[in-house]
């Protein structure tokens, strides 16, 4: 069967799987950004309890496999009375895993803001929260956007693992088609192309646009 015939036969199924992958990606991104912001800023906190909690989260989710984390959240948490639907468990697992890496990007970007900017806010008698929101975080955001682009591509690839808990994403549909037809080249070749298109023509241009927009806001364009 040619690729064209394959797409005519299974294109609708693969399209539905791609939509699920896109939704998983967007929801996991929200989880990752929120977790990274909280843990990254928390790691800089002067409160030892907040700092310790942030370090513990980062070390656990960076130091263990995403697959193991996915199985823990979906299969082990119900033993403790916390049951999540497979779709929810999927994007939460991927988001928390990538968020742990993103937390170090957030922390590093905040610390990379020149010390003079912190001192300027202090000289203007700005409260800590206002100083962070109006002076430090906008500059830190410009620093962290480029590495976040690479991290989001890793997040997209990580969503393929949710097929292992039967979330009907692109990889799940691809495996189902391959299992029933044995058309491995067509099935996995099409999936490869779709993942590449999502990364190259969706994530990369969006992050470049965000970088240019932030540069203009900061007067660096």
Protein backbone atom coordinates (compact mmCIF):
# COMPACT_ATOMS: atom_id res chain seq x y z
CA UNK A 1 0.00 0.00 0.00
CA UNK A 2 1.38 3.41 -1.00
CA UNK A 3 1.56 6.36 1.39
CA UNK A 4 -1.27 8.07 -0.50
CA UNK A 5 -3.54 5.03 -0.21
CA UNK A 6 -2.55 4.69 3.44
CA UNK A 7 -3.53 8.29 4.16
CA UNK A 8 -6.80 7.92 2.31
CA UNK A 9 -7.66 4.88 4.43
CA UNK A 10 -6.35 5.94 7.85
CA UNK A 11 -6.02 9.71 7.53
CA UNK A 12 -9.12 10.44 9.62
CA UNK A 13 -7.95 8.23 12.48
CA UNK A 14 -4.48 9.79 12.44
CA UNK A 15 -6.01 13.27 12.35
CA UNK A 16 -8.08 12.51 15.45
CA UNK A 17 -4.96 11.19 17.17
CA UNK A 18 -3.07 14.34 16.20
CA UNK A 19 -5.80 16.51 17.74
CA UNK A 20 -5.51 14.57 21.00
CA UNK A 21 -1.73 15.00 20.92
CA UNK A 22 -2.15 18.77 20.40
CA UNK A 23 -4.56 19.04 23.34
CA UNK A 24 -2.23 16.97 25.52
CA UNK A 25 0.64 19.23 24.50
CA UNK A 26 -1.21 22.46 25.30
CA UNK A 27 -2.48 21.25 28.68
CA UNK A 28 0.91 19.79 29.61
CA UNK A 29 2.50 23.11 28.66
CA UNK A 30 0.22 24.96 31.08
CA UNK A 31 1.13 22.51 33.85
CA UNK A 32 4.83 22.75 33.03
CA UNK A 33 4.90 26.56 32.97
CA UNK A 34 2.99 26.81 36.26
CA UNK A 35 5.15 24.19 37.98
CA UNK A 36 8.36 25.72 36.65
CA UNK A 37 7.41 29.22 37.79
CA UNK A 38 6.42 28.09 41.29
CA UNK A 39 9.42 25.79 41.80
CA UNK A 40 11.93 28.12 40.13
CA UNK A 41 10.94 31.12 42.22
CA UNK A 42 10.47 28.90 45.27
CA UNK A 43 14.04 27.66 45.00
CA UNK A 44 15.19 31.27 45.46
CA UNK A 45 12.96 31.81 48.49
CA UNK A 46 14.50 32.71 51.84
CA UNK A 47 11.93 30.43 53.50
CA UNK A 48 13.65 27.06 53.98
CA UNK A 49 10.36 25.14 53.81
CA UNK A 50 9.41 26.60 50.41
CA UNK A 51 12.97 26.21 49.16
CA UNK A 52 13.19 22.59 50.35
CA UNK A 53 9.84 21.70 48.76
CA UNK A 54 10.96 23.18 45.44
CA UNK A 55 14.28 21.35 45.52
CA UNK A 56 12.55 18.05 46.38
CA UNK A 57 10.12 18.39 43.46
CA UNK A 58 12.91 19.30 41.02
CA UNK A 59 15.21 16.48 42.11
CA UNK A 60 12.52 13.80 42.03
CA UNK A 61 11.08 14.69 38.64
CA UNK A 62 14.45 15.34 37.02
CA UNK A 63 16.09 12.29 38.54
CA UNK A 64 13.52 9.68 37.56
CA UNK A 65 12.08 8.47 34.27
CA UNK A 66 9.00 10.14 32.79
CA UNK A 67 7.60 6.67 32.07
CA UNK A 68 7.93 5.66 35.73
CA UNK A 69 6.28 8.94 36.80
CA UNK A 70 3.44 8.33 34.36
CA UNK A 71 2.82 4.84 35.76
CA UNK A 72 3.03 6.12 39.33
CA UNK A 73 0.47 8.85 38.73
CA UNK A 74 -1.93 6.58 36.84
CA UNK A 75 -1.49 3.21 38.59
CA UNK A 76 -0.05 3.90 42.06
CA UNK A 77 -1.88 7.05 43.19
CA UNK A 78 -5.27 5.22 43.15
CA UNK A 79 -3.86 3.01 45.93
CA UNK A 80 -3.69 6.17 48.05
CA UNK A 81 -7.21 7.28 47.11
CA UNK A 82 -6.25 9.62 44.26
CA UNK A 83 -7.67 8.41 40.95
CA UNK A 84 -7.15 10.42 37.78
CA UNK A 85 -8.67 9.77 34.35
CA UNK A 86 -6.05 8.52 31.89
CA UNK A 87 -6.25 11.71 29.81
CA UNK A 88 -5.64 13.88 32.89
CA UNK A 89 -2.89 11.63 34.22
CA UNK A 90 -1.16 11.89 30.86
CA UNK A 91 -0.76 15.64 30.59
CA UNK A 92 -0.13 16.11 34.32
CA UNK A 93 2.73 13.58 34.22
CA UNK A 94 4.37 15.14 31.18
CA UNK A 95 3.82 18.67 32.48
CA UNK A 96 5.30 17.98 35.91
CA UNK A 97 8.31 16.24 34.39
CA UNK A 98 9.13 19.07 31.99
CA UNK A 99 8.26 21.65 34.65
CA UNK A 100 11.11 20.33 36.81
CA UNK A 101 13.58 21.11 34.03
CA UNK A 102 11.88 24.43 33.37
CA UNK A 103 12.24 25.38 37.04
CA UNK A 104 16.01 25.48 36.66
CA UNK A 105 15.62 27.68 33.59
CA UNK A 106 13.39 30.05 35.57
CA UNK A 107 15.81 30.15 38.50
CA UNK A 108 18.81 30.70 36.24
CA UNK A 109 17.08 33.45 34.26
CA UNK A 110 16.09 35.35 37.42
CA UNK A 111 19.62 35.12 38.79
CA UNK A 112 20.99 36.28 35.42
CA UNK A 113 19.21 39.65 35.69
CA UNK A 114 21.95 42.21 36.47
CA UNK A 115 22.26 43.03 40.17
CA UNK A 116 21.85 46.71 39.39
CA UNK A 117 18.25 46.08 38.37
CA UNK A 118 17.50 44.64 41.81
CA UNK A 119 19.22 47.56 43.50
CA UNK A 120 17.30 50.05 41.36
CA UNK A 121 14.00 48.61 42.55
CA UNK A 122 15.20 48.77 46.13
CA UNK A 123 16.30 52.38 45.68
CA UNK A 124 12.79 53.23 44.45
CA UNK A 125 11.35 51.65 47.63
CA UNK A 126 9.43 49.05 45.62
CA UNK A 127 7.95 46.14 47.58
CA UNK A 128 9.52 42.80 46.68
CA UNK A 129 6.47 41.58 44.75
CA UNK A 130 6.19 44.76 42.68
CA UNK A 131 9.92 44.74 41.96
CA UNK A 132 9.74 41.15 40.74
CA UNK A 133 6.66 41.76 38.60
CA UNK A 134 7.69 45.05 36.98
CA UNK A 135 11.49 44.86 36.78
CA UNK A 136 12.95 41.40 37.28
CA UNK A 137 10.48 38.96 35.69
CA UNK A 138 10.11 40.77 32.32
CA UNK A 139 13.89 40.71 31.86
CA UNK A 140 14.12 37.13 33.10
CA UNK A 141 11.39 36.10 30.66
CA UNK A 142 13.46 37.37 27.74
CA UNK A 143 16.38 35.26 28.95
CA UNK A 144 14.37 32.08 29.50
CA UNK A 145 12.36 32.03 26.25
CA UNK A 146 15.07 30.51 23.97
CA UNK A 147 15.74 27.45 26.20
CA UNK A 148 12.00 27.05 26.76
CA UNK A 149 11.60 26.60 23.00
CA UNK A 150 13.78 23.49 23.14
CA UNK A 151 12.03 22.30 26.28
CA UNK A 152 8.59 22.51 24.63
CA UNK A 153 9.83 20.35 21.76
CA UNK A 154 10.93 17.78 24.35
CA UNK A 155 7.48 18.09 25.93
CA UNK A 156 5.81 17.36 22.59
CA UNK A 157 7.92 14.24 22.15
CA UNK A 158 7.17 13.23 25.74
CA UNK A 159 3.44 13.21 25.06
CA UNK A 160 3.94 10.07 22.93
CA UNK A 161 4.32 8.10 26.18
CA UNK A 162 0.71 8.73 27.18
CA UNK A 163 -0.26 6.12 24.60
CA UNK A 164 1.07 3.53 27.06
CA UNK A 165 -1.89 4.22 29.38
CA UNK A 166 -4.29 4.04 26.39
CA UNK A 167 -4.75 7.76 25.75
CA UNK A 168 -5.88 7.83 22.10
CA UNK A 169 -3.18 10.21 20.88
CA UNK A 170 -1.24 10.05 17.63
CA UNK A 171 1.16 7.35 18.81
CA UNK A 172 -1.67 5.21 20.21
CA UNK A 173 -3.55 5.34 16.89
CA UNK A 174 -0.34 4.64 14.98
CA UNK A 175 0.38 1.55 17.08
CA UNK A 176 -3.21 0.34 16.63
CA UNK A 177 -2.96 0.71 12.86
CA UNK A 178 0.40 -1.04 12.78
CA UNK A 179 -0.89 -3.90 14.92
CA UNK A 180 -3.81 -4.56 12.56
CA UNK A 181 -2.10 -3.95 9.20
CA UNK A 182 1.66 -4.48 9.79
CA UNK A 183 2.28 -1.42 7.60
CA UNK A 184 5.09 -0.24 9.85
CA UNK A 185 6.81 2.03 7.34
CA UNK A 186 3.63 3.89 6.43
CA UNK A 187 2.25 4.08 9.98
CA UNK A 188 5.36 5.17 11.85
CA UNK A 189 6.67 7.17 8.89
CA UNK A 190 3.48 9.25 8.88
CA UNK A 191 3.67 9.72 12.66
CA UNK A 192 7.30 10.85 12.35
CA UNK A 193 6.38 13.45 9.75
CA UNK A 194 3.45 14.76 11.83
CA UNK A 195 5.60 15.15 14.95
CA UNK A 196 8.25 16.94 12.90
CA UNK A 197 5.67 19.33 11.41
CA UNK A 198 4.27 20.15 14.85
CA UNK A 199 7.74 20.87 16.24
CA UNK A 200 9.19 22.67 13.23
CA UNK A 201 6.22 24.66 11.99
CA UNK A 202 4.17 25.21 15.16
CA UNK A 203 6.38 25.37 18.26
CA UNK A 204 9.55 26.89 16.76
CA UNK A 205 7.87 29.82 14.94
CA UNK A 206 5.67 30.55 17.98
CA UNK A 207 8.66 30.74 20.31
CA UNK A 208 10.60 32.92 17.87
CA UNK A 209 7.64 35.29 17.65
CA UNK A 210 7.47 35.40 21.46
CA UNK A 211 11.20 36.19 21.64
CA UNK A 212 10.87 39.05 19.15
CA UNK A 213 7.81 40.42 20.95
CA UNK A 214 9.58 40.40 24.31
CA UNK A 215 12.66 42.02 22.78
CA UNK A 216 10.52 44.85 21.40
CA UNK A 217 8.84 45.35 24.79
CA UNK A 218 12.24 45.66 26.43
CA UNK A 219 13.54 47.98 23.72
CA UNK A 220 16.07 45.45 22.42
CA UNK A 221 14.70 45.00 18.92
